[in-house]
Amino acid sequence: MVVFSSQATPCLLRGGPRLWSLRPSVWLGAFSAVDLAAAVLATTGWVMAPITVWLVACRLLTSPVFAVVPDAARPPIFRWPQVT
């Protein structure tokens, strides 16, 4: 379920002081909807081998953690070598 974790990367890299400070673009919102549809297809086994709902739910719930932790670590890390 790479789709959930890959959604955090553009949000972290698009600038701004914090992850939640900028509104996502329409494109990012559209691709998020497509990713959720792919997760539903993965759990039903349509066009692919089925994945358990438990695995998809765990990945969906842990992905925000892996977005918030780097976002919290970014300002002190960038401040140390005077990178803005």
N, C-alpha and C. Protein backbone atom coordinates (compact mmCIF):
# COMPACT_ATOMS: atom_id res chain seq x y z
N MET A 1 0.83 -1.18 0.00
CA MET A 1 0.00 0.00 0.00
C MET A 1 0.87 1.25 0.00
N VAL A 2 1.63 1.37 -1.03
CA VAL A 2 2.52 2.51 -1.19
C VAL A 2 1.74 3.79 -1.42
N VAL A 3 0.51 3.68 -1.88
CA VAL A 3 -0.24 4.88 -2.26
C VAL A 3 -0.45 5.83 -1.08
N PHE A 4 -0.70 5.32 0.10
CA PHE A 4 -0.95 6.20 1.23
C PHE A 4 0.32 6.94 1.65
N SER A 5 1.43 6.23 1.70
CA SER A 5 2.67 6.89 2.11
C SER A 5 3.18 7.83 1.04
N SER A 6 2.91 7.53 -0.22
CA SER A 6 3.38 8.43 -1.28
C SER A 6 2.59 9.73 -1.32
N GLN A 7 1.43 9.78 -0.74
CA GLN A 7 0.66 11.02 -0.69
C GLN A 7 1.31 12.04 0.24
N ALA A 8 2.03 11.60 1.24
CA ALA A 8 2.66 12.51 2.19
C ALA A 8 3.85 13.24 1.58
N THR A 9 4.52 12.63 0.63
CA THR A 9 5.72 13.23 0.05
C THR A 9 5.45 14.57 -0.62
N PRO A 10 4.47 14.70 -1.52
CA PRO A 10 4.24 16.03 -2.10
C PRO A 10 3.81 17.06 -1.07
N CYS A 11 3.07 16.62 -0.07
CA CYS A 11 2.64 17.57 0.96
C CYS A 11 3.82 18.09 1.75
N LEU A 12 4.79 17.25 2.02
CA LEU A 12 5.97 17.67 2.78
C LEU A 12 6.91 18.53 1.95
N LEU A 13 6.99 18.27 0.66
CA LEU A 13 7.97 18.94 -0.18
C LEU A 13 7.49 20.22 -0.84
N ARG A 14 6.23 20.57 -0.70
CA ARG A 14 5.72 21.72 -1.45
C ARG A 14 5.99 23.05 -0.81
N GLY A 15 6.79 23.12 0.19
CA GLY A 15 7.14 24.40 0.81
C GLY A 15 6.29 24.68 2.02
N GLY A 16 6.26 25.91 2.41
CA GLY A 16 5.46 26.27 3.57
C GLY A 16 6.15 25.85 4.86
N PRO A 17 5.86 26.55 5.93
CA PRO A 17 6.51 26.22 7.19
C PRO A 17 6.04 24.91 7.79
N ARG A 18 4.78 24.56 7.59
CA ARG A 18 4.22 23.34 8.17
C ARG A 18 3.38 22.60 7.15
N LEU A 19 3.20 21.33 7.37
CA LEU A 19 2.43 20.46 6.49
C LEU A 19 1.01 20.98 6.30
N TRP A 20 0.39 21.44 7.36
CA TRP A 20 -1.01 21.85 7.32
C TRP A 20 -1.19 23.34 7.02
N SER A 21 -0.12 24.07 6.76
CA SER A 21 -0.24 25.51 6.55
C SER A 21 -0.75 25.88 5.16
N LEU A 22 -0.58 25.02 4.18
CA LEU A 22 -1.05 25.29 2.82
C LEU A 22 -2.16 24.31 2.43
N ARG A 23 -3.14 24.82 1.73
CA ARG A 23 -4.22 23.97 1.25
C ARG A 23 -3.71 23.13 0.09
N PRO A 24 -4.05 21.84 0.04
CA PRO A 24 -3.61 21.00 -1.09
C PRO A 24 -4.24 21.47 -2.40
N SER A 25 -3.55 21.23 -3.48
CA SER A 25 -4.07 21.61 -4.79
C SER A 25 -5.21 20.69 -5.19
N VAL A 26 -5.92 21.08 -6.23
CA VAL A 26 -7.00 20.26 -6.74
C VAL A 26 -6.46 18.93 -7.25
N TRP A 27 -5.28 18.97 -7.87
CA TRP A 27 -4.67 17.74 -8.39
C TRP A 27 -4.35 16.77 -7.26
N LEU A 28 -3.79 17.27 -6.16
CA LEU A 28 -3.46 16.39 -5.04
C LEU A 28 -4.73 15.79 -4.44
N GLY A 29 -5.78 16.59 -4.36
CA GLY A 29 -7.06 16.07 -3.87
C GLY A 29 -7.64 15.01 -4.79
N ALA A 30 -7.53 15.22 -6.08
CA ALA A 30 -8.03 14.24 -7.05
C ALA A 30 -7.25 12.94 -6.96
N PHE A 31 -5.94 13.05 -6.86
CA PHE A 31 -5.13 11.83 -6.76
C PHE A 31 -5.34 11.11 -5.44
N SER A 32 -5.68 11.85 -4.40
CA SER A 32 -6.01 11.21 -3.12
C SER A 32 -7.28 10.39 -3.26
N ALA A 33 -8.26 10.91 -3.99
CA ALA A 33 -9.49 10.17 -4.22
C ALA A 33 -9.22 8.91 -5.05
N VAL A 34 -8.34 9.02 -6.04
CA VAL A 34 -7.98 7.86 -6.85
C VAL A 34 -7.26 6.82 -5.98
N ASP A 35 -6.41 7.26 -5.08
CA ASP A 35 -5.71 6.34 -4.19
C ASP A 35 -6.67 5.60 -3.27
N LEU A 36 -7.67 6.31 -2.78
CA LEU A 36 -8.67 5.65 -1.94
C LEU A 36 -9.47 4.63 -2.76
N ALA A 37 -9.77 4.96 -4.00
CA ALA A 37 -10.46 4.00 -4.86
C ALA A 37 -9.58 2.78 -5.11
N ALA A 38 -8.29 2.98 -5.29
CA ALA A 38 -7.38 1.86 -5.48
C ALA A 38 -7.32 0.98 -4.24
N ALA A 39 -7.41 1.59 -3.07
CA ALA A 39 -7.42 0.81 -1.83
C ALA A 39 -8.67 -0.05 -1.74
N VAL A 40 -9.80 0.51 -2.16
CA VAL A 40 -11.05 -0.28 -2.17
C VAL A 40 -10.93 -1.43 -3.15
N LEU A 41 -10.37 -1.17 -4.33
CA LEU A 41 -10.18 -2.24 -5.31
C LEU A 41 -9.22 -3.30 -4.78
N ALA A 42 -8.22 -2.90 -4.04
CA ALA A 42 -7.26 -3.86 -3.49
C ALA A 42 -7.91 -4.76 -2.44
N THR A 43 -8.82 -4.22 -1.66
CA THR A 43 -9.46 -5.05 -0.64
C THR A 43 -10.50 -5.98 -1.24
N THR A 44 -11.10 -5.58 -2.35
CA THR A 44 -12.11 -6.44 -2.98
C THR A 44 -11.48 -7.47 -3.91
N GLY A 45 -10.23 -7.26 -4.31
CA GLY A 45 -9.56 -8.21 -5.19
C GLY A 45 -9.92 -8.05 -6.65
N TRP A 46 -10.42 -6.89 -7.02
CA TRP A 46 -10.77 -6.66 -8.41
C TRP A 46 -9.53 -6.25 -9.19
N VAL A 47 -9.15 -6.99 -10.20
CA VAL A 47 -8.00 -6.79 -11.08
C VAL A 47 -6.67 -7.01 -10.35
N MET A 48 -6.69 -7.52 -9.17
CA MET A 48 -5.47 -7.79 -8.42
C MET A 48 -5.78 -8.80 -7.33
N ALA A 49 -4.75 -9.34 -6.72
CA ALA A 49 -4.96 -10.25 -5.60
C ALA A 49 -5.48 -9.45 -4.41
N PRO A 50 -6.48 -9.97 -3.71
CA PRO A 50 -7.06 -9.19 -2.60
C PRO A 50 -6.10 -9.03 -1.43
N ILE A 51 -6.17 -7.88 -0.81
CA ILE A 51 -5.41 -7.57 0.40
C ILE A 51 -6.42 -7.42 1.52
N THR A 52 -6.06 -7.87 2.70
CA THR A 52 -7.01 -7.81 3.81
C THR A 52 -7.31 -6.35 4.18
N VAL A 53 -8.52 -6.14 4.64
CA VAL A 53 -8.94 -4.80 5.06
C VAL A 53 -8.08 -4.35 6.24
N TRP A 54 -7.69 -5.27 7.10
CA TRP A 54 -6.86 -4.95 8.26
C TRP A 54 -5.54 -4.32 7.82
N LEU A 55 -4.91 -4.89 6.81
CA LEU A 55 -3.63 -4.37 6.32
C LEU A 55 -3.80 -2.97 5.73
N VAL A 56 -4.85 -2.76 4.96
CA VAL A 56 -5.10 -1.45 4.37
C VAL A 56 -5.41 -0.42 5.47
N ALA A 57 -6.21 -0.81 6.46
CA ALA A 57 -6.56 0.11 7.55
C ALA A 57 -5.33 0.48 8.37
N CYS A 58 -4.46 -0.48 8.66
CA CYS A 58 -3.23 -0.18 9.42
C CYS A 58 -2.34 0.79 8.65
N ARG A 59 -2.22 0.57 7.37
CA ARG A 59 -1.39 1.44 6.54
C ARG A 59 -1.99 2.85 6.46
N LEU A 60 -3.31 2.91 6.34
CA LEU A 60 -3.98 4.20 6.28
C LEU A 60 -3.83 4.97 7.59
N LEU A 61 -3.85 4.27 8.71
CA LEU A 61 -3.74 4.94 10.01
C LEU A 61 -2.30 5.31 10.37
N THR A 62 -1.33 4.58 9.87
CA THR A 62 0.07 4.90 10.19
C THR A 62 0.69 5.92 9.24
N SER A 63 0.13 6.09 8.07
CA SER A 63 0.69 7.04 7.11
C SER A 63 0.74 8.48 7.62
N PRO A 64 -0.29 8.98 8.31
CA PRO A 64 -0.18 10.35 8.84
C PRO A 64 0.95 10.51 9.85
N VAL A 65 1.26 9.46 10.59
CA VAL A 65 2.37 9.54 11.55
C VAL A 65 3.67 9.78 10.81
N PHE A 66 3.85 9.08 9.68
CA PHE A 66 5.08 9.23 8.92
C PHE A 66 5.11 10.52 8.11
N ALA A 67 4.03 11.28 8.12
CA ALA A 67 4.03 12.61 7.52
C ALA A 67 4.26 13.68 8.58
N VAL A 68 3.69 13.50 9.76
CA VAL A 68 3.78 14.51 10.81
C VAL A 68 5.16 14.52 11.48
N VAL A 69 5.75 13.35 11.68
CA VAL A 69 7.06 13.29 12.34
C VAL A 69 8.14 14.00 11.51
N PRO A 70 8.28 13.74 10.21
CA PRO A 70 9.28 14.50 9.44
C PRO A 70 8.95 15.99 9.36
N ASP A 71 7.65 16.31 9.33
CA ASP A 71 7.26 17.71 9.28
C ASP A 71 7.66 18.43 10.56
N ALA A 72 7.56 17.76 11.69
CA ALA A 72 7.98 18.37 12.96
C ALA A 72 9.50 18.47 13.05
N ALA A 73 10.20 17.55 12.43
CA ALA A 73 11.67 17.55 12.50
C ALA A 73 12.29 18.50 11.48
N ARG A 74 11.56 18.89 10.47
CA ARG A 74 12.12 19.72 9.39
C ARG A 74 12.60 21.09 9.84
N PRO A 75 11.83 21.89 10.60
CA PRO A 75 12.32 23.22 10.97
C PRO A 75 13.63 23.23 11.76
N PRO A 76 13.79 22.40 12.81
CA PRO A 76 15.08 22.43 13.51
C PRO A 76 16.25 21.94 12.65
N ILE A 77 15.98 20.97 11.78
CA ILE A 77 17.05 20.46 10.92
C ILE A 77 17.46 21.52 9.91
N PHE A 78 16.51 22.22 9.32
CA PHE A 78 16.83 23.26 8.35
C PHE A 78 17.41 24.51 9.01
N ARG A 79 17.06 24.76 10.24
CA ARG A 79 17.58 25.92 10.93
C ARG A 79 19.06 25.73 11.29
N TRP A 80 19.45 24.50 11.56
CA TRP A 80 20.82 24.24 11.99
C TRP A 80 21.86 24.68 10.96
N PRO A 81 21.78 24.31 9.67
CA PRO A 81 22.77 24.81 8.71
C PRO A 81 22.34 26.10 8.01
N GLN A 82 21.37 26.80 8.53
CA GLN A 82 20.83 28.04 7.98
C GLN A 82 20.25 27.82 6.57
N VAL A 83 19.51 26.74 6.39
CA VAL A 83 18.80 26.48 5.14
C VAL A 83 17.37 26.94 5.33
N THR A 84 16.87 27.72 4.38
CA THR A 84 15.47 28.16 4.50
C THR A 84 14.65 27.68 3.34
